[in-house]
Each structure stands twice: as C-alpha cells, then as structure tokens.
Amino acid sequence: MTLKPSAGDISELKWTKSSYSGQGNGNECVEVAAVQGTIHIRDSKNPHGPQLHLQPSAWADFVAYAAAAR
C-alpha cells in the first residue's frame, strides 16, 4: 500500500519567494504557495512558523491594495 498526500498537504506545497524579498532590507522575506482554493503565506526565515491561509479573492484584494500603496 502507498499513501499519496492530498492536495491540501502543506508539506507538498511549492513555495515562491516574493521578487521584492531581499531588496534593501534582507529581513523582509515573504513566500506564497497556491493550491486550489487556498493561498498560503509564510515568512521564509521561519518556514515552520505560523502561516496565513487566504481565499484567492482575499489574496487578489491584498495584492491590489499593496500595489496601489507603494
């Protein structure tokens, strides 16, 4: 018998670091991983620490807000 992790298994997430991480202040490192229906967000310096889990629509709203604020 073999076990296959479900799509929601966070150990199988493919993390992507923000293109802005490390520019200026190397302590600001954000990574995101997307699976169907959920966007996971974490601090790359603390990969086993707390994470945010958002619906894709909430993430899209945040990204639009952050882009307008810069």
C-alpha atoms as a PDB file:
ATOM      1  CA  MET A   1       0.000   0.000   0.000  1.00  0.00           C
ATOM      2  CA  THR A   2       1.202   3.527  -0.774  1.00  0.00           C
ATOM      3  CA  LEU A   3      -0.082   6.788   0.563  1.00  0.00           C
ATOM      4  CA  LYS A   4      -0.271   9.895  -1.577  1.00  0.00           C
ATOM      5  CA  PRO A   5      -0.582  13.275   0.161  1.00  0.00           C
ATOM      6  CA  SER A   6      -3.756  15.145  -0.610  1.00  0.00           C
ATOM      7  CA  ALA A   7      -3.637  18.447  -2.500  1.00  0.00           C
ATOM      8  CA  GLY A   8      -4.094  20.179   0.850  1.00  0.00           C
ATOM      9  CA  ASP A   9      -0.995  18.617   2.463  1.00  0.00           C
ATOM     10  CA  ILE A  10       1.187  21.639   3.274  1.00  0.00           C
ATOM     11  CA  SER A  11       4.371  19.553   3.222  1.00  0.00           C
ATOM     12  CA  GLU A  12       3.931  19.274  -0.565  1.00  0.00           C
ATOM     13  CA  LEU A  13       3.461  22.981  -1.270  1.00  0.00           C
ATOM     14  CA  LYS A  14       5.606  24.669  -3.919  1.00  0.00           C
ATOM     15  CA  TRP A  15       6.730  27.925  -2.288  1.00  0.00           C
ATOM     16  CA  THR A  16       7.639  31.023  -4.298  1.00  0.00           C
ATOM     17  CA  LYS A  17       9.589  33.901  -2.761  1.00  0.00           C
ATOM     18  CA  SER A  18       8.483  37.456  -3.437  1.00  0.00           C
ATOM     19  CA  SER A  19      10.561  39.274  -6.037  1.00  0.00           C
ATOM     20  CA  TYR A  20      10.789  42.142  -3.525  1.00  0.00           C
ATOM     21  CA  SER A  21      12.306  39.979  -0.784  1.00  0.00           C
ATOM     22  CA  GLY A  22      15.869  40.869   0.000  1.00  0.00           C
ATOM     23  CA  GLN A  23      15.777  44.276  -1.682  1.00  0.00           C
ATOM     24  CA  GLY A  24      17.042  46.841   0.781  1.00  0.00           C
ATOM     25  CA  ASN A  25      16.144  45.045   3.999  1.00  0.00           C
ATOM     26  CA  GLY A  26      17.047  41.340   3.832  1.00  0.00           C
ATOM     27  CA  ASN A  27      14.802  40.659   6.815  1.00  0.00           C
ATOM     28  CA  GLU A  28      11.626  41.056   4.758  1.00  0.00           C
ATOM     29  CA  CYS A  29      11.083  37.678   3.099  1.00  0.00           C
ATOM     30  CA  VAL A  30       7.629  36.551   2.048  1.00  0.00           C
ATOM     31  CA  GLU A  31       6.813  33.269   0.325  1.00  0.00           C
ATOM     32  CA  VAL A  32       3.497  32.143  -1.122  1.00  0.00           C
ATOM     33  CA  ALA A  33       2.162  28.801  -2.274  1.00  0.00           C
ATOM     34  CA  ALA A  34      -1.130  28.235  -4.050  1.00  0.00           C
ATOM     35  CA  VAL A  35      -3.335  25.169  -4.061  1.00  0.00           C
ATOM     36  CA  GLN A  36      -6.873  25.008  -5.293  1.00  0.00           C
ATOM     37  CA  GLY A  37      -8.968  27.335  -3.161  1.00  0.00           C
ATOM     38  CA  THR A  38      -6.195  28.470  -0.783  1.00  0.00           C
ATOM     39  CA  ILE A  39      -3.184  30.789  -0.842  1.00  0.00           C
ATOM     40  CA  HIS A  40      -0.591  30.016   1.844  1.00  0.00           C
ATOM     41  CA  ILE A  41       1.739  32.807   3.028  1.00  0.00           C
ATOM     42  CA  ARG A  42       4.783  32.445   5.285  1.00  0.00           C
ATOM     43  CA  ASP A  43       7.982  34.126   6.410  1.00  0.00           C
ATOM     44  CA  SER A  44      10.824  32.428   4.518  1.00  0.00           C
ATOM     45  CA  LYS A  45      13.147  32.860   7.507  1.00  0.00           C
ATOM     46  CA  ASN A  46      10.763  30.781   9.631  1.00  0.00           C
ATOM     47  CA  PRO A  47       9.331  28.107   7.298  1.00  0.00           C
ATOM     48  CA  HIS A  48       7.967  26.015  10.170  1.00  0.00           C
ATOM     49  CA  GLY A  49       6.376  29.002  11.880  1.00  0.00           C
ATOM     50  CA  PRO A  50       2.876  30.386  11.519  1.00  0.00           C
ATOM     51  CA  GLN A  51       1.259  30.802   8.125  1.00  0.00           C
ATOM     52  CA  LEU A  52      -1.651  32.756   6.740  1.00  0.00           C
ATOM     53  CA  HIS A  53      -4.188  30.880   4.644  1.00  0.00           C
ATOM     54  CA  LEU A  54      -6.388  33.036   2.421  1.00  0.00           C
ATOM     55  CA  GLN A  55      -9.020  32.523  -0.222  1.00  0.00           C
ATOM     56  CA  PRO A  56      -7.768  33.534  -3.675  1.00  0.00           C
ATOM     57  CA  SER A  57     -10.169  36.510  -3.804  1.00  0.00           C
ATOM     58  CA  ALA A  58      -8.812  37.872  -0.492  1.00  0.00           C
ATOM     59  CA  TRP A  59      -5.233  37.458  -1.757  1.00  0.00           C
ATOM     60  CA  ALA A  60      -6.089  39.281  -5.008  1.00  0.00           C
ATOM     61  CA  ASP A  61      -7.610  42.138  -2.994  1.00  0.00           C
ATOM     62  CA  PHE A  62      -4.495  42.359  -0.802  1.00  0.00           C
ATOM     63  CA  VAL A  63      -2.117  42.364  -3.776  1.00  0.00           C
ATOM     64  CA  ALA A  64      -4.141  45.120  -5.478  1.00  0.00           C
ATOM     65  CA  TYR A  65      -4.096  47.163  -2.252  1.00  0.00           C
ATOM     66  CA  ALA A  66      -0.356  46.650  -1.727  1.00  0.00           C
ATOM     67  CA  ALA A  67       0.425  47.610  -5.332  1.00  0.00           C
ATOM     68  CA  ALA A  68      -1.607  50.817  -5.019  1.00  0.00           C
ATOM     69  CA  ALA A  69       0.055  51.708  -1.695  1.00  0.00           C
ATOM     70  CA  ARG A  70       3.635  51.604  -2.978  1.00  0.00           C
END
